Amino acid sequence: MRNLLSIFLLAVLLSGCASEQDLTLETATSRALDKVPGCGNHLETFNKVNESQEKEDGFVITIQQDCEPKDGEGPQMRSDYTYYVTKNEVKIVKDNN
C-alpha cells in the first residue's frame, strides 16, 4: 500500500512539473497583465487584452489600459502596452503612453 501511494505521489509531482513547462495563451496573458503598471494617484485602472499572437517560442500580447478618476470627474487617459512573453521572460516590446 505504501509503495502504491509513493508511485501515485510521484506521478502527480511529475505531471505538475510538465504542465508548468508549457506556456499557454492563458498563462502568457496573465504574466503580461502582471507587468502592466497601475495608473496611480486616485485613478482606477482598467486593463483589456486587445490582441494576442502566437510566435515561435511565446506570445505577443497587446493590452489596452484605461485610467479614469475614481470620482468620475476629470481627464481620462488611454495607454497601450505590447509584451513578448516566453517561458523564461516577459519583455515589453512597445509602450504607447
PDB file of N, CA and C in Angstrom:
ATOM      1  N   MET A   1       0.824  -1.199   0.000  1.00  0.00           N
ATOM      2  CA  MET A   1       0.000   0.000   0.000  1.00  0.00           C
ATOM      3  C   MET A   1       0.867   1.262   0.000  1.00  0.00           C
ATOM      4  N   ARG A   2       1.917   1.244   0.799  1.00  0.00           N
ATOM      5  CA  ARG A   2       2.805   2.392   0.885  1.00  0.00           C
ATOM      6  C   ARG A   2       3.498   2.644  -0.457  1.00  0.00           C
ATOM      7  N   ASN A   3       3.918   1.582  -1.146  1.00  0.00           N
ATOM      8  CA  ASN A   3       4.559   1.731  -2.451  1.00  0.00           C
ATOM      9  C   ASN A   3       3.585   2.315  -3.477  1.00  0.00           C
ATOM     10  N   LEU A   4       2.340   1.885  -3.426  1.00  0.00           N
ATOM     11  CA  LEU A   4       1.320   2.394  -4.341  1.00  0.00           C
ATOM     12  C   LEU A   4       1.104   3.890  -4.121  1.00  0.00           C
ATOM     13  N   LEU A   5       1.059   4.298  -2.873  1.00  0.00           N
ATOM     14  CA  LEU A   5       0.898   5.720  -2.545  1.00  0.00           C
ATOM     15  C   LEU A   5       2.113   6.522  -3.025  1.00  0.00           C
ATOM     16  N   SER A   6       3.296   5.987  -2.862  1.00  0.00           N
ATOM     17  CA  SER A   6       4.518   6.669  -3.311  1.00  0.00           C
ATOM     18  C   SER A   6       4.532   6.846  -4.829  1.00  0.00           C
ATOM     19  N   ILE A   7       4.113   5.821  -5.544  1.00  0.00           N
ATOM     20  CA  ILE A   7       4.064   5.891  -7.008  1.00  0.00           C
ATOM     21  C   ILE A   7       3.030   6.924  -7.453  1.00  0.00           C
ATOM     22  N   PHE A   8       1.888   6.942  -6.772  1.00  0.00           N
ATOM     23  CA  PHE A   8       0.840   7.914  -7.101  1.00  0.00           C
ATOM     24  C   PHE A   8       1.344   9.348  -6.871  1.00  0.00           C
ATOM     25  N   LEU A   9       1.981   9.593  -5.744  1.00  0.00           N
ATOM     26  CA  LEU A   9       2.510  10.924  -5.444  1.00  0.00           C
ATOM     27  C   LEU A   9       3.592  11.337  -6.441  1.00  0.00           C
ATOM     28  N   LEU A  10       4.428  10.419  -6.831  1.00  0.00           N
ATOM     29  CA  LEU A  10       5.465  10.707  -7.825  1.00  0.00           C
ATOM     30  C   LEU A  10       4.842  11.054  -9.175  1.00  0.00           C
ATOM     31  N   ALA A  11       3.794  10.345  -9.569  1.00  0.00           N
ATOM     32  CA  ALA A  11       3.115  10.624 -10.841  1.00  0.00           C
ATOM     33  C   ALA A  11       2.464  12.006 -10.809  1.00  0.00           C
ATOM     34  N   VAL A  12       1.851  12.361  -9.687  1.00  0.00           N
ATOM     35  CA  VAL A  12       1.236  13.677  -9.561  1.00  0.00           C
ATOM     36  C   VAL A  12       2.293  14.764  -9.640  1.00  0.00           C
ATOM     37  N   LEU A  13       3.412  14.562  -8.976  1.00  0.00           N
ATOM     38  CA  LEU A  13       4.503  15.533  -8.995  1.00  0.00           C
ATOM     39  C   LEU A  13       5.047  15.721 -10.403  1.00  0.00           C
ATOM     40  N   LEU A  14       5.266  14.636 -11.119  1.00  0.00           N
ATOM     41  CA  LEU A  14       5.804  14.723 -12.477  1.00  0.00           C
ATOM     42  C   LEU A  14       4.818  15.365 -13.441  1.00  0.00           C
ATOM     43  N   SER A  15       3.550  15.070 -13.313  1.00  0.00           N
ATOM     44  CA  SER A  15       2.569  15.684 -14.208  1.00  0.00           C
ATOM     45  C   SER A  15       2.444  17.173 -13.928  1.00  0.00           C
ATOM     46  N   GLY A  16       2.584  17.591 -12.684  1.00  0.00           N
ATOM     47  CA  GLY A  16       2.555  19.010 -12.346  1.00  0.00           C
ATOM     48  C   GLY A  16       3.747  19.737 -12.916  1.00  0.00           C
ATOM     49  N   CYS A  17       4.911  19.129 -12.892  1.00  0.00           N
ATOM     50  CA  CYS A  17       6.116  19.754 -13.445  1.00  0.00           C
ATOM     51  C   CYS A  17       6.006  19.908 -14.952  1.00  0.00           C
ATOM     52  N   ALA A  18       5.431  18.938 -15.624  1.00  0.00           N
ATOM     53  CA  ALA A  18       5.303  19.014 -17.079  1.00  0.00           C
ATOM     54  C   ALA A  18       4.362  20.137 -17.484  1.00  0.00           C
ATOM     55  N   SER A  19       3.276  20.319 -16.733  1.00  0.00           N
ATOM     56  CA  SER A  19       2.322  21.355 -17.113  1.00  0.00           C
ATOM     57  C   SER A  19       2.890  22.752 -16.871  1.00  0.00           C
ATOM     58  N   GLU A  20       3.790  22.900 -15.885  1.00  0.00           N
ATOM     59  CA  GLU A  20       4.393  24.198 -15.633  1.00  0.00           C
ATOM     60  C   GLU A  20       5.341  24.600 -16.761  1.00  0.00           C
ATOM     61  N   GLN A  21       5.888  23.636 -17.476  1.00  0.00           N
ATOM     62  CA  GLN A  21       6.830  23.941 -18.549  1.00  0.00           C
ATOM     63  C   GLN A  21       6.127  24.440 -19.799  1.00  0.00           C
ATOM     64  N   ASP A  22       4.878  24.094 -19.997  1.00  0.00           N
ATOM     65  CA  ASP A  22       4.141  24.522 -21.174  1.00  0.00           C
ATOM     66  C   ASP A  22       3.641  25.948 -20.988  1.00  0.00           C
ATOM     67  N   LEU A  23       3.818  26.768 -22.011  1.00  0.00           N
ATOM     68  CA  LEU A  23       3.324  28.139 -21.972  1.00  0.00           C
ATOM     69  C   LEU A  23       2.043  28.202 -22.793  1.00  0.00           C
ATOM     70  N   THR A  24       0.956  28.495 -22.130  1.00  0.00           N
ATOM     71  CA  THR A  24      -0.330  28.614 -22.812  1.00  0.00           C
ATOM     72  C   THR A  24      -0.671  30.088 -22.987  1.00  0.00           C
ATOM     73  N   LEU A  25      -1.658  30.358 -23.820  1.00  0.00           N
ATOM     74  CA  LEU A  25      -2.109  31.737 -24.014  1.00  0.00           C
ATOM     75  C   LEU A  25      -2.613  32.318 -22.696  1.00  0.00           C
ATOM     76  N   GLU A  26      -3.321  31.514 -21.932  1.00  0.00           N
ATOM     77  CA  GLU A  26      -3.852  31.977 -20.644  1.00  0.00           C
ATOM     78  C   GLU A  26      -2.716  32.366 -19.687  1.00  0.00           C
ATOM     79  N   THR A  27      -1.690  31.538 -19.612  1.00  0.00           N
ATOM     80  CA  THR A  27      -0.548  31.830 -18.748  1.00  0.00           C
ATOM     81  C   THR A  27       0.202  33.062 -19.233  1.00  0.00           C
ATOM     82  N   ALA A  28       0.428  33.169 -20.539  1.00  0.00           N
ATOM     83  CA  ALA A  28       1.136  34.320 -21.101  1.00  0.00           C
ATOM     84  C   ALA A  28       0.367  35.612 -20.856  1.00  0.00           C
ATOM     85  N   THR A  29      -0.949  35.566 -21.026  1.00  0.00           N
ATOM     86  CA  THR A  29      -1.785  36.743 -20.790  1.00  0.00           C
ATOM     87  C   THR A  29      -1.715  37.172 -19.332  1.00  0.00           C
ATOM     88  N   SER A  30      -1.799  36.225 -18.433  1.00  0.00           N
ATOM     89  CA  SER A  30      -1.734  36.530 -17.010  1.00  0.00           C
ATOM     90  C   SER A  30      -0.392  37.155 -16.637  1.00  0.00           C
ATOM     91  N   ARG A  31       0.692  36.613 -17.177  1.00  0.00           N
ATOM     92  CA  ARG A  31       2.028  37.147 -16.877  1.00  0.00           C
ATOM     93  C   ARG A  31       2.199  38.548 -17.455  1.00  0.00           C
ATOM     94  N   ALA A  32       1.647  38.810 -18.638  1.00  0.00           N
ATOM     95  CA  ALA A  32       1.733  40.144 -19.238  1.00  0.00           C
ATOM     96  C   ALA A  32       0.919  41.151 -18.427  1.00  0.00           C
ATOM     97  N   LEU A  33      -0.286  40.766 -18.024  1.00  0.00           N
ATOM     98  CA  LEU A  33      -1.132  41.660 -17.235  1.00  0.00           C
ATOM     99  C   LEU A  33      -0.473  42.027 -15.901  1.00  0.00           C
ATOM    100  N   ASP A  34       0.296  41.100 -15.335  1.00  0.00           N
ATOM    101  CA  ASP A  34       1.007  41.377 -14.084  1.00  0.00           C
ATOM    102  C   ASP A  34       2.075  42.460 -14.257  1.00  0.00           C
ATOM    103  N   LYS A  35       2.577  42.628 -15.474  1.00  0.00           N
ATOM    104  CA  LYS A  35       3.645  43.605 -15.736  1.00  0.00           C
ATOM    105  C   LYS A  35       3.135  45.010 -16.040  1.00  0.00           C
ATOM    106  N   VAL A  36       1.861  45.157 -16.378  1.00  0.00           N
ATOM    107  CA  VAL A  36       1.312  46.473 -16.733  1.00  0.00           C
ATOM    108  C   VAL A  36       1.301  47.343 -15.482  1.00  0.00           C
ATOM    109  N   PRO A  37       1.909  48.538 -15.553  1.00  0.00           N
ATOM    110  CA  PRO A  37       1.910  49.405 -14.374  1.00  0.00           C
ATOM    111  C   PRO A  37       0.513  49.944 -14.089  1.00  0.00           C
ATOM    112  N   GLY A  38       0.241  50.209 -12.832  1.00  0.00           N
ATOM    113  CA  GLY A  38      -1.046  50.782 -12.446  1.00  0.00           C
ATOM    114  C   GLY A  38      -1.105  52.263 -12.789  1.00  0.00           C
ATOM    115  N   CYS A  39      -2.285  52.817 -12.757  1.00  0.00           N
ATOM    116  CA  CYS A  39      -2.472  54.230 -13.084  1.00  0.00           C
ATOM    117  C   CYS A  39      -2.027  55.143 -11.944  1.00  0.00           C
ATOM    118  N   GLY A  40      -2.255  54.732 -10.697  1.00  0.00           N
ATOM    119  CA  GLY A  40      -1.844  55.520  -9.536  1.00  0.00           C
ATOM    120  C   GLY A  40      -2.713  56.733  -9.278  1.00  0.00           C
ATOM    121  N   ASN A  41      -2.371  57.488  -8.240  1.00  0.00           N
ATOM    122  CA  ASN A  41      -2.955  58.777  -7.863  1.00  0.00           C
ATOM    123  C   ASN A  41      -4.455  58.913  -8.078  1.00  0.00           C
ATOM    124  N   HIS A  42      -5.229  58.211  -7.309  1.00  0.00           N
ATOM    125  CA  HIS A  42      -6.687  58.339  -7.299  1.00  0.00           C
ATOM    126  C   HIS A  42      -7.329  58.008  -8.648  1.00  0.00           C
ATOM    127  N   LEU A  43      -6.682  57.144  -9.422  1.00  0.00           N
ATOM    128  CA  LEU A  43      -7.233  56.725 -10.711  1.00  0.00           C
ATOM    129  C   LEU A  43      -7.554  55.241 -10.664  1.00  0.00           C
ATOM    130  N   GLU A  44      -8.642  54.874 -11.299  1.00  0.00           N
ATOM    131  CA  GLU A  44      -8.980  53.462 -11.445  1.00  0.00           C
ATOM    132  C   GLU A  44      -8.306  52.928 -12.699  1.00  0.00           C
ATOM    133  N   THR A  45      -7.828  51.702 -12.623  1.00  0.00           N
ATOM    134  CA  THR A  45      -7.128  51.068 -13.728  1.00  0.00           C
ATOM    135  C   THR A  45      -8.009  49.996 -14.340  1.00  0.00           C
ATOM    136  N   PHE A  46      -8.197  50.071 -15.665  1.00  0.00           N
ATOM    137  CA  PHE A  46      -8.963  49.063 -16.411  1.00  0.00           C
ATOM    138  C   PHE A  46      -8.062  48.537 -17.527  1.00  0.00           C
ATOM    139  N   ASN A  47      -7.675  47.260 -17.432  1.00  0.00           N
ATOM    140  CA  ASN A  47      -6.826  46.637 -18.447  1.00  0.00           C
ATOM    141  C   ASN A  47      -7.639  45.656 -19.272  1.00  0.00           C
ATOM    142  N   LYS A  48      -7.408  45.673 -20.593  1.00  0.00           N
ATOM    143  CA  LYS A  48      -8.119  44.778 -21.507  1.00  0.00           C
ATOM    144  C   LYS A  48      -7.129  44.262 -22.542  1.00  0.00           C
ATOM    145  N   VAL A  49      -7.134  42.958 -22.778  1.00  0.00           N
ATOM    146  CA  VAL A  49      -6.278  42.373 -23.813  1.00  0.00           C
ATOM    147  C   VAL A  49      -6.915  42.648 -25.161  1.00  0.00           C
ATOM    148  N   ASN A  50      -6.200  43.407 -25.994  1.00  0.00           N
ATOM    149  CA  ASN A  50      -6.705  43.764 -27.323  1.00  0.00           C
ATOM    150  C   ASN A  50      -6.336  42.735 -28.379  1.00  0.00           C
ATOM    151  N   GLU A  51      -5.141  42.181 -28.256  1.00  0.00           N
ATOM    152  CA  GLU A  51      -4.663  41.277 -29.301  1.00  0.00           C
ATOM    153  C   GLU A  51      -3.658  40.305 -28.717  1.00  0.00           C
ATOM    154  N   SER A  52      -3.652  39.098 -29.240  1.00  0.00           N
ATOM    155  CA  SER A  52      -2.640  38.112 -28.862  1.00  0.00           C
ATOM    156  C   SER A  52      -2.264  37.303 -30.093  1.00  0.00           C
ATOM    157  N   GLN A  53      -0.963  37.103 -30.252  1.00  0.00           N
ATOM    158  CA  GLN A  53      -0.449  36.333 -31.394  1.00  0.00           C
ATOM    159  C   GLN A  53       0.555  35.316 -30.884  1.00  0.00           C
ATOM    160  N   GLU A  54       0.443  34.100 -31.384  1.00  0.00           N
ATOM    161  CA  GLU A  54       1.410  33.074 -31.016  1.00  0.00           C
ATOM    162  C   GLU A  54       2.615  33.188 -31.936  1.00  0.00           C
ATOM    163  N   LYS A  55       3.801  33.186 -31.343  1.00  0.00           N
ATOM    164  CA  LYS A  55       5.060  33.227 -32.094  1.00  0.00           C
ATOM    165  C   LYS A  55       5.802  31.912 -31.873  1.00  0.00           C
ATOM    166  N   GLU A  56       7.025  31.816 -32.388  1.00  0.00           N
ATOM    167  CA  GLU A  56       7.798  30.572 -32.309  1.00  0.00           C
ATOM    168  C   GLU A  56       7.896  30.009 -30.898  1.00  0.00           C
ATOM    169  N   ASP A  57       8.342  30.827 -29.959  1.00  0.00           N
ATOM    170  CA  ASP A  57       8.566  30.322 -28.601  1.00  0.00           C
ATOM    171  C   ASP A  57       7.809  31.107 -27.538  1.00  0.00           C
ATOM    172  N   GLY A  58       6.734  31.792 -27.944  1.00  0.00           N
ATOM    173  CA  GLY A  58       5.974  32.559 -26.973  1.00  0.00           C
ATOM    174  C   GLY A  58       4.778  33.246 -27.602  1.00  0.00           C
ATOM    175  N   PHE A  59       4.329  34.309 -26.963  1.00  0.00           N
ATOM    176  CA  PHE A  59       3.156  35.052 -27.405  1.00  0.00           C
ATOM    177  C   PHE A  59       3.443  36.548 -27.371  1.00  0.00           C
ATOM    178  N   VAL A  60       2.840  37.283 -28.299  1.00  0.00           N
ATOM    179  CA  VAL A  60       2.847  38.737 -28.272  1.00  0.00           C
ATOM    180  C   VAL A  60       1.460  39.156 -27.797  1.00  0.00           C
ATOM    181  N   ILE A  61       1.423  39.862 -26.668  1.00  0.00           N
ATOM    182  CA  ILE A  61       0.161  40.252 -26.036  1.00  0.00           C
ATOM    183  C   ILE A  61       0.078  41.782 -26.026  1.00  0.00           C
ATOM    184  N   THR A  62      -0.996  42.348 -26.583  1.00  0.00           N
ATOM    185  CA  THR A  62      -1.220  43.792 -26.564  1.00  0.00           C
ATOM    186  C   THR A  62      -2.355  44.089 -25.596  1.00  0.00           C
ATOM    187  N   ILE A  63      -2.069  44.981 -24.646  1.00  0.00           N
ATOM    188  CA  ILE A  63      -3.018  45.326 -23.591  1.00  0.00           C
ATOM    189  C   ILE A  63      -3.353  46.808 -23.675  1.00  0.00           C
ATOM    190  N   GLN A  64      -4.643  47.097 -23.649  1.00  0.00           N
ATOM    191  CA  GLN A  64      -5.119  48.484 -23.614  1.00  0.00           C
ATOM    192  C   GLN A  64      -5.462  48.824 -22.171  1.00  0.00           C
ATOM    193  N   GLN A  65      -4.933  49.945 -21.705  1.00  0.00           N
ATOM    194  CA  GLN A  65      -5.191  50.374 -20.334  1.00  0.00           C
ATOM    195  C   GLN A  65      -5.930  51.707 -20.337  1.00  0.00           C
ATOM    196  N   ASP A  66      -7.041  51.754 -19.620  1.00  0.00           N
ATOM    197  CA  ASP A  66      -7.776  52.999 -19.425  1.00  0.00           C
ATOM    198  C   ASP A  66      -7.637  53.409 -17.969  1.00  0.00           C
ATOM    199  N   CYS A  67      -7.296  54.685 -17.748  1.00  0.00           N
ATOM    200  CA  CYS A  67      -7.192  55.255 -16.413  1.00  0.00           C
ATOM    201  C   CYS A  67      -8.274  56.315 -16.277  1.00  0.00           C
ATOM    202  N   GLU A  68      -9.099  56.139 -15.255  1.00  0.00           N
ATOM    203  CA  GLU A  68     -10.209  57.062 -15.053  1.00  0.00           C
ATOM    204  C   GLU A  68     -10.231  57.508 -13.595  1.00  0.00           C
ATOM    205  N   PRO A  69     -10.627  58.759 -13.351  1.00  0.00           N
ATOM    206  CA  PRO A  69     -10.731  59.232 -11.970  1.00  0.00           C
ATOM    207  C   PRO A  69     -11.751  58.403 -11.187  1.00  0.00           C
ATOM    208  N   LYS A  70     -11.438  58.121  -9.923  1.00  0.00           N
ATOM    209  CA  LYS A  70     -12.346  57.322  -9.092  1.00  0.00           C
ATOM    210  C   LYS A  70     -13.660  58.037  -8.838  1.00  0.00           C
ATOM    211  N   ASP A  71     -13.633  59.362  -8.811  1.00  0.00           N
ATOM    212  CA  ASP A  71     -14.869  60.107  -8.558  1.00  0.00           C
ATOM    213  C   ASP A  71     -15.650  60.400  -9.829  1.00  0.00           C
ATOM    214  N   GLY A  72     -15.107  59.988 -10.977  1.00  0.00           N
ATOM    215  CA  GLY A  72     -15.824  60.151 -12.240  1.00  0.00           C
ATOM    216  C   GLY A  72     -15.612  61.487 -12.936  1.00  0.00           C
ATOM    217  N   GLU A  73     -14.905  62.403 -12.300  1.00  0.00           N
ATOM    218  CA  GLU A  73     -14.682  63.711 -12.912  1.00  0.00           C
ATOM    219  C   GLU A  73     -13.201  63.908 -13.192  1.00  0.00           C
ATOM    220  N   GLY A  74     -12.898  64.507 -14.326  1.00  0.00           N
ATOM    221  CA  GLY A  74     -11.517  64.794 -14.681  1.00  0.00           C
ATOM    222  C   GLY A  74     -11.099  64.085 -15.951  1.00  0.00           C
ATOM    223  N   PRO A  75      -9.840  64.273 -16.327  1.00  0.00           N
ATOM    224  CA  PRO A  75      -9.358  63.693 -17.586  1.00  0.00           C
ATOM    225  C   PRO A  75      -9.213  62.176 -17.502  1.00  0.00           C
ATOM    226  N   GLN A  76      -9.370  61.547 -18.643  1.00  0.00           N
ATOM    227  CA  GLN A  76      -9.157  60.115 -18.762  1.00  0.00           C
ATOM    228  C   GLN A  76      -7.934  59.896 -19.639  1.00  0.00           C
ATOM    229  N   MET A  77      -7.267  58.780 -19.446  1.00  0.00           N
ATOM    230  CA  MET A  77      -6.055  58.501 -20.210  1.00  0.00           C
ATOM    231  C   MET A  77      -6.112  57.058 -20.717  1.00  0.00           C
ATOM    232  N   ARG A  78      -5.644  56.851 -21.937  1.00  0.00           N
ATOM    233  CA  ARG A  78      -5.581  55.510 -22.521  1.00  0.00           C
ATOM    234  C   ARG A  78      -4.148  55.237 -22.956  1.00  0.00           C
ATOM    235  N   SER A  79      -3.660  54.050 -22.622  1.00  0.00           N
ATOM    236  CA  SER A  79      -2.313  53.628 -22.996  1.00  0.00           C
ATOM    237  C   SER A  79      -2.385  52.225 -23.574  1.00  0.00           C
ATOM    238  N   ASP A  80      -1.432  51.901 -24.433  1.00  0.00           N
ATOM    239  CA  ASP A  80      -1.302  50.557 -24.989  1.00  0.00           C
ATOM    240  C   ASP A  80       0.079  50.017 -24.655  1.00  0.00           C
ATOM    241  N   TYR A  81       0.125  48.771 -24.220  1.00  0.00           N
ATOM    242  CA  TYR A  81       1.379  48.089 -23.906  1.00  0.00           C
ATOM    243  C   TYR A  81       1.420  46.785 -24.685  1.00  0.00           C
ATOM    244  N   THR A  82       2.558  46.484 -25.292  1.00  0.00           N
ATOM    245  CA  THR A  82       2.741  45.222 -26.004  1.00  0.00           C
ATOM    246  C   THR A  82       3.914  44.478 -25.372  1.00  0.00           C
ATOM    247  N   TYR A  83       3.668  43.236 -24.999  1.00  0.00           N
ATOM    248  CA  TYR A  83       4.674  42.403 -24.345  1.00  0.00           C
ATOM    249  C   TYR A  83       4.938  41.147 -25.161  1.00  0.00           C
ATOM    250  N   TYR A  84       6.191  40.702 -25.141  1.00  0.00           N
ATOM    251  CA  TYR A  84       6.561  39.411 -25.714  1.00  0.00           C
ATOM    252  C   TYR A  84       6.816  38.478 -24.545  1.00  0.00           C
ATOM    253  N   VAL A  85       6.027  37.415 -24.441  1.00  0.00           N
ATOM    254  CA  VAL A  85       6.085  36.518 -23.289  1.00  0.00           C
ATOM    255  C   VAL A  85       6.598  35.157 -23.740  1.00  0.00           C
ATOM    256  N   THR A  86       7.685  34.706 -23.102  1.00  0.00           N
ATOM    257  CA  THR A  86       8.211  33.359 -23.319  1.00  0.00           C
ATOM    258  C   THR A  86       8.170  32.623 -21.983  1.00  0.00           C
ATOM    259  N   LYS A  87       8.639  31.377 -21.971  1.00  0.00           N
ATOM    260  CA  LYS A  87       8.653  30.611 -20.729  1.00  0.00           C
ATOM    261  C   LYS A  87       9.503  31.293 -19.664  1.00  0.00           C
ATOM    262  N   ASN A  88      10.579  31.964 -20.106  1.00  0.00           N
ATOM    263  CA  ASN A  88      11.549  32.495 -19.157  1.00  0.00           C
ATOM    264  C   ASN A  88      11.445  33.984 -18.879  1.00  0.00           C
ATOM    265  N   GLU A  89      10.748  34.744 -19.729  1.00  0.00           N
ATOM    266  CA  GLU A  89      10.727  36.190 -19.508  1.00  0.00           C
ATOM    267  C   GLU A  89       9.482  36.850 -20.089  1.00  0.00           C
ATOM    268  N   VAL A  90       9.229  38.056 -19.577  1.00  0.00           N
ATOM    269  CA  VAL A  90       8.180  38.931 -20.104  1.00  0.00           C
ATOM    270  C   VAL A  90       8.883  40.231 -20.457  1.00  0.00           C
ATOM    271  N   LYS A  91       8.903  40.546 -21.755  1.00  0.00           N
ATOM    272  CA  LYS A  91       9.663  41.705 -22.232  1.00  0.00           C
ATOM    273  C   LYS A  91       8.720  42.680 -22.914  1.00  0.00           C
ATOM    274  N   ILE A  92       8.824  43.963 -22.546  1.00  0.00           N
ATOM    275  CA  ILE A  92       7.983  44.969 -23.189  1.00  0.00           C
ATOM    276  C   ILE A  92       8.538  45.238 -24.574  1.00  0.00           C
ATOM    277  N   VAL A  93       7.653  45.258 -25.565  1.00  0.00           N
ATOM    278  CA  VAL A  93       8.031  45.478 -26.955  1.00  0.00           C
ATOM    279  C   VAL A  93       7.674  46.892 -27.351  1.00  0.00           C
ATOM    280  N   LYS A  94       6.496  47.353 -26.900  1.00  0.00           N
ATOM    281  CA  LYS A  94       6.002  48.655 -27.302  1.00  0.00           C
ATOM    282  C   LYS A  94       5.209  49.268 -26.152  1.00  0.00           C
ATOM    283  N   ASP A  95       5.461  50.551 -25.914  1.00  0.00           N
ATOM    284  CA  ASP A  95       4.802  51.269 -24.832  1.00  0.00           C
ATOM    285  C   ASP A  95       4.282  52.579 -25.382  1.00  0.00           C
ATOM    286  N   ASN A  96       2.978  52.670 -25.657  1.00  0.00           N
ATOM    287  CA  ASN A  96       2.371  53.884 -26.199  1.00  0.00           C
ATOM    288  C   ASN A  96       1.596  54.598 -25.102  1.00  0.00           C
ATOM    289  N   ASN A  97       2.272  55.484 -24.424  1.00  0.00           N
ATOM    290  CA  ASN A  97       1.614  56.276 -23.367  1.00  0.00           C
ATOM    291  C   ASN A  97       1.262  57.628 -23.909  1.00  0.00           C
TER     292      ASN A  97
END
